[in-house]
Amino acid sequence: MIWESYYWKEPLLKMADRIEKYSQKDGLTDRQGAQYERDIFIGYYTVRKLFESAGKVSDDTRAMKLCVHWFPKKAGAPIVDWYNRSEFWDIYDLEDRHREQRDALFVAHRVIHSFIMVGSSGGEGEPSGDFFTSDRDKEKRLYFVPASETLSLFRAVGRDYPNFVFWRDDVTGERKWSAPAEKDQPSDG
């Protein structure tokens, strides 16, 4: 359980700054590439942990949607395994782009459990971001999340310090909680 979220949110904001800096470069050194990859994984893990901890982010932030792209697996492409996953352009149809809105938690889970995870600096009018697919999705599709979507999420979570309210359910006795946005907070008068 996360007791004090500041110690999770401040590093998340620093990760966002590094991701922004590195996503604007054409090439990264091995050290920078490793840092970028760690920041993506640990950043999405941080988002998931904060979302799953009571009252650490507002309901509005928890409800964020990210615009992701996905590409279907090519017909007749071999099974995706440890030996061919680095050649994802041969397995997935990168010309058949689809866009959809996905919950931030959906993206976080897929990145955390990724079987393929590759950063892309974009190029030719394409945004920089990350290609990924999980062990569950690898036989169906490859996702892409633009860096701008990741940055928006990390910064929204990193800056979100909501007021936390809780109560007991009258029927079940279960403790419930909510972190409404400030505009949703009850007034004192």
C-alpha atoms as a PDB file:
ATOM      1  CA  MET A   1       0.000   0.000   0.000  1.00  0.00           C
ATOM      2  CA  ILE A   2       1.200   3.499  -0.751  1.00  0.00           C
ATOM      3  CA  TRP A   3       1.021   5.600   2.382  1.00  0.00           C
ATOM      4  CA  GLU A   4       2.554   8.893   1.190  1.00  0.00           C
ATOM      5  CA  SER A   5       2.078   9.380  -2.554  1.00  0.00           C
ATOM      6  CA  TYR A   6       4.513  12.305  -2.878  1.00  0.00           C
ATOM      7  CA  TYR A   7       7.434   9.847  -2.965  1.00  0.00           C
ATOM      8  CA  TRP A   8       5.842   8.117  -5.928  1.00  0.00           C
ATOM      9  CA  LYS A   9       4.559  11.194  -7.741  1.00  0.00           C
ATOM     10  CA  GLU A  10       7.716  13.327  -7.711  1.00  0.00           C
ATOM     11  CA  PRO A  11       9.824  10.615  -9.428  1.00  0.00           C
ATOM     12  CA  LEU A  12       6.969  10.104 -11.902  1.00  0.00           C
ATOM     13  CA  LEU A  13       7.202  13.776 -12.899  1.00  0.00           C
ATOM     14  CA  LYS A  14      10.982  13.424 -13.346  1.00  0.00           C
ATOM     15  CA  MET A  15      10.406  10.352 -15.498  1.00  0.00           C
ATOM     16  CA  ALA A  16       8.006  12.369 -17.662  1.00  0.00           C
ATOM     17  CA  ASP A  17      10.647  15.064 -18.143  1.00  0.00           C
ATOM     18  CA  ARG A  18      13.262  12.492 -19.225  1.00  0.00           C
ATOM     19  CA  ILE A  19      10.810  10.701 -21.525  1.00  0.00           C
ATOM     20  CA  GLU A  20       9.958  14.024 -23.155  1.00  0.00           C
ATOM     21  CA  LYS A  21      13.634  14.858 -23.638  1.00  0.00           C
ATOM     22  CA  TYR A  22      14.553  11.428 -24.986  1.00  0.00           C
ATOM     23  CA  SER A  23      11.490  11.154 -27.235  1.00  0.00           C
ATOM     24  CA  GLN A  24      12.631  14.280 -29.097  1.00  0.00           C
ATOM     25  CA  LYS A  25      16.031  12.806 -29.964  1.00  0.00           C
ATOM     26  CA  ASP A  26      16.732  10.860 -33.132  1.00  0.00           C
ATOM     27  CA  GLY A  27      19.042   8.408 -31.413  1.00  0.00           C
ATOM     28  CA  LEU A  28      19.855   7.443 -27.856  1.00  0.00           C
ATOM     29  CA  THR A  29      23.004   6.033 -26.333  1.00  0.00           C
ATOM     30  CA  ASP A  30      22.696   2.598 -24.748  1.00  0.00           C
ATOM     31  CA  ARG A  31      22.550   4.255 -21.321  1.00  0.00           C
ATOM     32  CA  GLN A  32      19.814   6.692 -22.420  1.00  0.00           C
ATOM     33  CA  GLY A  33      17.853   3.884 -24.076  1.00  0.00           C
ATOM     34  CA  ALA A  34      17.970   1.820 -20.900  1.00  0.00           C
ATOM     35  CA  GLN A  35      16.889   4.850 -18.835  1.00  0.00           C
ATOM     36  CA  TYR A  36      14.016   5.539 -21.235  1.00  0.00           C
ATOM     37  CA  GLU A  37      12.854   1.932 -21.063  1.00  0.00           C
ATOM     38  CA  ARG A  38      13.045   1.910 -17.231  1.00  0.00           C
ATOM     39  CA  ASP A  39      11.122   5.183 -17.058  1.00  0.00           C
ATOM     40  CA  ILE A  40       8.328   3.790 -19.240  1.00  0.00           C
ATOM     41  CA  PHE A  41       8.018   0.541 -17.267  1.00  0.00           C
ATOM     42  CA  ILE A  42       8.395   2.030 -13.812  1.00  0.00           C
ATOM     43  CA  GLY A  43       6.226   5.009 -14.750  1.00  0.00           C
ATOM     44  CA  TYR A  44       3.322   2.825 -15.852  1.00  0.00           C
ATOM     45  CA  TYR A  45       3.830   0.612 -12.785  1.00  0.00           C
ATOM     46  CA  THR A  46       3.677   3.744 -10.609  1.00  0.00           C
ATOM     47  CA  VAL A  47       0.456   4.819 -12.325  1.00  0.00           C
ATOM     48  CA  ARG A  48      -1.070   1.408 -11.685  1.00  0.00           C
ATOM     49  CA  LYS A  49      -0.040   1.378  -8.016  1.00  0.00           C
ATOM     50  CA  LEU A  50      -1.395   4.886  -7.437  1.00  0.00           C
ATOM     51  CA  PHE A  51      -4.664   4.027  -9.209  1.00  0.00           C
ATOM     52  CA  GLU A  52      -5.049   0.939  -7.031  1.00  0.00           C
ATOM     53  CA  SER A  53      -4.277   2.777  -3.779  1.00  0.00           C
ATOM     54  CA  ALA A  54      -7.194   4.402  -2.002  1.00  0.00           C
ATOM     55  CA  GLY A  55      -7.461   8.139  -2.525  1.00  0.00           C
ATOM     56  CA  LYS A  56      -4.080   8.782  -4.153  1.00  0.00           C
ATOM     57  CA  VAL A  57      -5.482  10.135  -7.431  1.00  0.00           C
ATOM     58  CA  SER A  58      -8.802  11.759  -8.220  1.00  0.00           C
ATOM     59  CA  ASP A  59     -11.650   9.923  -9.864  1.00  0.00           C
ATOM     60  CA  ASP A  60     -11.178  12.161 -12.930  1.00  0.00           C
ATOM     61  CA  THR A  61      -7.529  11.158 -13.282  1.00  0.00           C
ATOM     62  CA  ARG A  62      -8.386   7.499 -12.739  1.00  0.00           C
ATOM     63  CA  ALA A  63     -10.937   7.793 -15.578  1.00  0.00           C
ATOM     64  CA  MET A  64      -8.382   9.162 -18.082  1.00  0.00           C
ATOM     65  CA  LYS A  65      -8.413   7.661 -21.543  1.00  0.00           C
ATOM     66  CA  LEU A  66      -5.411   7.447 -23.830  1.00  0.00           C
ATOM     67  CA  CYS A  67      -5.518   7.504 -27.606  1.00  0.00           C
ATOM     68  CA  VAL A  68      -3.678   4.398 -28.752  1.00  0.00           C
ATOM     69  CA  HIS A  69      -3.082   2.970 -32.183  1.00  0.00           C
ATOM     70  CA  TRP A  70      -3.082  -0.727 -32.965  1.00  0.00           C
ATOM     71  CA  PHE A  71      -1.990  -2.878 -35.846  1.00  0.00           C
ATOM     72  CA  PRO A  72      -3.322  -6.386 -36.569  1.00  0.00           C
ATOM     73  CA  LYS A  73      -1.118  -9.414 -36.854  1.00  0.00           C
ATOM     74  CA  LYS A  74      -0.478 -10.294 -40.499  1.00  0.00           C
ATOM     75  CA  ALA A  75      -2.349 -13.278 -41.881  1.00  0.00           C
ATOM     76  CA  GLY A  76      -0.001 -16.218 -42.038  1.00  0.00           C
ATOM     77  CA  ALA A  77       2.625 -14.595 -39.810  1.00  0.00           C
ATOM     78  CA  PRO A  78       4.421 -17.047 -37.538  1.00  0.00           C
ATOM     79  CA  ILE A  79       3.630 -17.322 -33.848  1.00  0.00           C
ATOM     80  CA  VAL A  80       5.248 -14.483 -31.892  1.00  0.00           C
ATOM     81  CA  ASP A  81       8.061 -15.859 -29.765  1.00  0.00           C
ATOM     82  CA  TRP A  82      11.337 -14.875 -28.122  1.00  0.00           C
ATOM     83  CA  TYR A  83      13.238 -15.333 -31.383  1.00  0.00           C
ATOM     84  CA  ASN A  84      11.214 -13.120 -33.704  1.00  0.00           C
ATOM     85  CA  ARG A  85       9.683 -10.492 -31.409  1.00  0.00           C
ATOM     86  CA  SER A  86      12.366  -7.936 -32.260  1.00  0.00           C
ATOM     87  CA  GLU A  87      11.213  -8.101 -35.901  1.00  0.00           C
ATOM     88  CA  PHE A  88       7.670  -6.957 -35.174  1.00  0.00           C
ATOM     89  CA  TRP A  89       7.372  -5.099 -38.511  1.00  0.00           C
ATOM     90  CA  ASP A  90       7.398  -8.514 -40.228  1.00  0.00           C
ATOM     91  CA  ILE A  91       4.665  -9.889 -37.942  1.00  0.00           C
ATOM     92  CA  TYR A  92       2.189  -7.002 -37.695  1.00  0.00           C
ATOM     93  CA  ASP A  93       0.641  -4.972 -40.511  1.00  0.00           C
ATOM     94  CA  LEU A  94       1.977  -1.487 -39.763  1.00  0.00           C
ATOM     95  CA  GLU A  95       0.094  -0.119 -42.787  1.00  0.00           C
ATOM     96  CA  ASP A  96      -3.277  -1.096 -41.248  1.00  0.00           C
ATOM     97  CA  ARG A  97      -3.493   1.444 -38.413  1.00  0.00           C
ATOM     98  CA  HIS A  98      -6.515   1.625 -36.124  1.00  0.00           C
ATOM     99  CA  ARG A  99      -7.132   4.206 -33.382  1.00  0.00           C
ATOM    100  CA  GLU A 100      -9.099   3.826 -30.192  1.00  0.00           C
ATOM    101  CA  GLN A 101      -9.470   5.295 -26.731  1.00  0.00           C
ATOM    102  CA  ARG A 102      -8.345   3.036 -23.895  1.00  0.00           C
ATOM    103  CA  ASP A 103      -8.424   3.397 -20.135  1.00  0.00           C
ATOM    104  CA  ALA A 104      -5.081   4.408 -18.647  1.00  0.00           C
ATOM    105  CA  LEU A 105      -5.121   1.256 -16.527  1.00  0.00           C
ATOM    106  CA  PHE A 106      -5.554  -0.913 -19.653  1.00  0.00           C
ATOM    107  CA  VAL A 107      -2.430   0.637 -21.174  1.00  0.00           C
ATOM    108  CA  ALA A 108      -0.512   0.371 -17.887  1.00  0.00           C
ATOM    109  CA  HIS A 109      -1.297  -3.342 -17.592  1.00  0.00           C
ATOM    110  CA  ARG A 110      -0.265  -4.013 -21.198  1.00  0.00           C
ATOM    111  CA  VAL A 111       3.019  -2.119 -20.847  1.00  0.00           C
ATOM    112  CA  ILE A 112       3.860  -3.771 -17.517  1.00  0.00           C
ATOM    113  CA  HIS A 113       3.178  -7.222 -18.997  1.00  0.00           C
ATOM    114  CA  SER A 114       4.630  -6.453 -22.408  1.00  0.00           C
ATOM    115  CA  PHE A 115       6.102  -9.198 -24.543  1.00  0.00           C
ATOM    116  CA  ILE A 116       7.204  -6.608 -27.087  1.00  0.00           C
ATOM    117  CA  MET A 117       8.149  -3.094 -25.984  1.00  0.00           C
ATOM    118  CA  VAL A 118      10.035  -0.844 -28.385  1.00  0.00           C
ATOM    119  CA  GLY A 119      10.407   2.924 -28.334  1.00  0.00           C
ATOM    120  CA  SER A 120      10.088   4.802 -31.592  1.00  0.00           C
ATOM    121  CA  SER A 121      11.377   8.294 -32.337  1.00  0.00           C
ATOM    122  CA  GLY A 122       8.698   8.694 -35.005  1.00  0.00           C
ATOM    123  CA  GLY A 123       9.732  10.221 -38.298  1.00  0.00           C
ATOM    124  CA  GLU A 124       8.043  11.285 -41.528  1.00  0.00           C
ATOM    125  CA  GLY A 125       5.137  12.938 -39.711  1.00  0.00           C
ATOM    126  CA  GLU A 126       4.696  10.097 -37.228  1.00  0.00           C
ATOM    127  CA  PRO A 127       4.704  10.789 -33.479  1.00  0.00           C
ATOM    128  CA  SER A 128       7.340   9.380 -31.175  1.00  0.00           C
ATOM    129  CA  GLY A 129       6.092   6.797 -28.708  1.00  0.00           C
ATOM    130  CA  ASP A 130       6.151   3.135 -27.863  1.00  0.00           C
ATOM    131  CA  PHE A 131       5.087  -0.052 -29.603  1.00  0.00           C
ATOM    132  CA  PHE A 132       3.955  -2.759 -27.204  1.00  0.00           C
ATOM    133  CA  THR A 133       1.928  -5.911 -26.912  1.00  0.00           C
ATOM    134  CA  SER A 134       1.371  -8.170 -23.953  1.00  0.00           C
ATOM    135  CA  ASP A 135       1.772 -11.910 -23.752  1.00  0.00           C
ATOM    136  CA  ARG A 136      -2.061 -12.083 -23.993  1.00  0.00           C
ATOM    137  CA  ASP A 137      -2.410  -9.856 -27.068  1.00  0.00           C
ATOM    138  CA  LYS A 138       0.696 -10.786 -29.056  1.00  0.00           C
ATOM    139  CA  GLU A 139      -1.147 -13.129 -31.429  1.00  0.00           C
ATOM    140  CA  LYS A 140      -3.772 -10.479 -32.252  1.00  0.00           C
ATOM    141  CA  ARG A 141      -2.301  -6.982 -32.332  1.00  0.00           C
ATOM    142  CA  LEU A 142       0.528  -4.602 -31.645  1.00  0.00           C
ATOM    143  CA  TYR A 143      -0.281  -1.336 -29.856  1.00  0.00           C
ATOM    144  CA  PHE A 144       1.365   2.060 -30.115  1.00  0.00           C
ATOM    145  CA  VAL A 145       0.987   4.836 -27.538  1.00  0.00           C
ATOM    146  CA  PRO A 146       2.274   8.270 -28.561  1.00  0.00           C
ATOM    147  CA  ALA A 147       4.749   9.821 -26.131  1.00  0.00           C
ATOM    148  CA  SER A 148       2.382  12.780 -25.743  1.00  0.00           C
ATOM    149  CA  GLU A 149      -0.271  10.458 -24.269  1.00  0.00           C
ATOM    150  CA  THR A 150       2.192   8.896 -21.831  1.00  0.00           C
ATOM    151  CA  LEU A 151       3.454  12.334 -20.793  1.00  0.00           C
ATOM    152  CA  SER A 152      -0.075  13.653 -20.221  1.00  0.00           C
ATOM    153  CA  LEU A 153      -0.910  10.656 -18.052  1.00  0.00           C
ATOM    154  CA  PHE A 154       2.304  10.720 -15.998  1.00  0.00           C
ATOM    155  CA  ARG A 155       1.995  14.464 -15.387  1.00  0.00           C
ATOM    156  CA  ALA A 156      -1.693  14.304 -14.507  1.00  0.00           C
ATOM    157  CA  VAL A 157      -1.043  11.543 -11.980  1.00  0.00           C
ATOM    158  CA  GLY A 158       2.108  13.207 -10.654  1.00  0.00           C
ATOM    159  CA  ARG A 159       0.319  16.502  -9.975  1.00  0.00           C
ATOM    160  CA  ASP A 160      -2.915  15.056  -8.605  1.00  0.00           C
ATOM    161  CA  TYR A 161      -3.353  15.431  -4.834  1.00  0.00           C
ATOM    162  CA  PRO A 162      -7.094  14.944  -4.271  1.00  0.00           C
ATOM    163  CA  ASN A 163      -9.144  15.187  -1.118  1.00  0.00           C
ATOM    164  CA  PHE A 164     -10.012  11.663  -0.089  1.00  0.00           C
ATOM    165  CA  VAL A 165     -13.429  10.754   1.317  1.00  0.00           C
ATOM    166  CA  PHE A 166     -14.563   7.403   2.660  1.00  0.00           C
ATOM    167  CA  TRP A 167     -17.627   5.822   4.191  1.00  0.00           C
ATOM    168  CA  ARG A 168     -19.100   2.458   5.101  1.00  0.00           C
ATOM    169  CA  ASP A 169     -21.704   0.935   2.850  1.00  0.00           C
ATOM    170  CA  ASP A 170     -24.945   0.718   4.857  1.00  0.00           C
ATOM    171  CA  VAL A 171     -25.879  -2.631   3.325  1.00  0.00           C
ATOM    172  CA  THR A 172     -22.568  -4.520   3.106  1.00  0.00           C
ATOM    173  CA  GLY A 173     -20.534  -2.757   5.783  1.00  0.00           C
ATOM    174  CA  GLU A 174     -17.667  -2.544   3.297  1.00  0.00           C
ATOM    175  CA  ARG A 175     -15.493   0.552   3.461  1.00  0.00           C
ATOM    176  CA  LYS A 176     -15.838   2.568   0.241  1.00  0.00           C
ATOM    177  CA  TRP A 177     -13.816   5.543  -0.922  1.00  0.00           C
ATOM    178  CA  SER A 178     -13.758   8.236  -3.539  1.00  0.00           C
ATOM    179  CA  ALA A 179     -11.395  11.007  -4.564  1.00  0.00           C
ATOM    180  CA  PRO A 180     -13.675  13.460  -6.358  1.00  0.00           C
ATOM    181  CA  ALA A 181     -12.268  16.362  -8.326  1.00  0.00           C
ATOM    182  CA  GLU A 182     -12.199  19.685  -6.471  1.00  0.00           C
ATOM    183  CA  LYS A 183     -15.249  20.939  -8.365  1.00  0.00           C
ATOM    184  CA  ASP A 184     -17.106  17.861  -7.054  1.00  0.00           C
ATOM    185  CA  GLN A 185     -16.113  18.442  -3.403  1.00  0.00           C
ATOM    186  CA  PRO A 186     -18.988  19.295  -1.079  1.00  0.00           C
ATOM    187  CA  SER A 187     -18.885  22.898   0.104  1.00  0.00           C
ATOM    188  CA  ASP A 188     -18.740  23.857   3.767  1.00  0.00           C
ATOM    189  CA  GLY A 189     -21.711  26.118   3.656  1.00  0.00           C
END
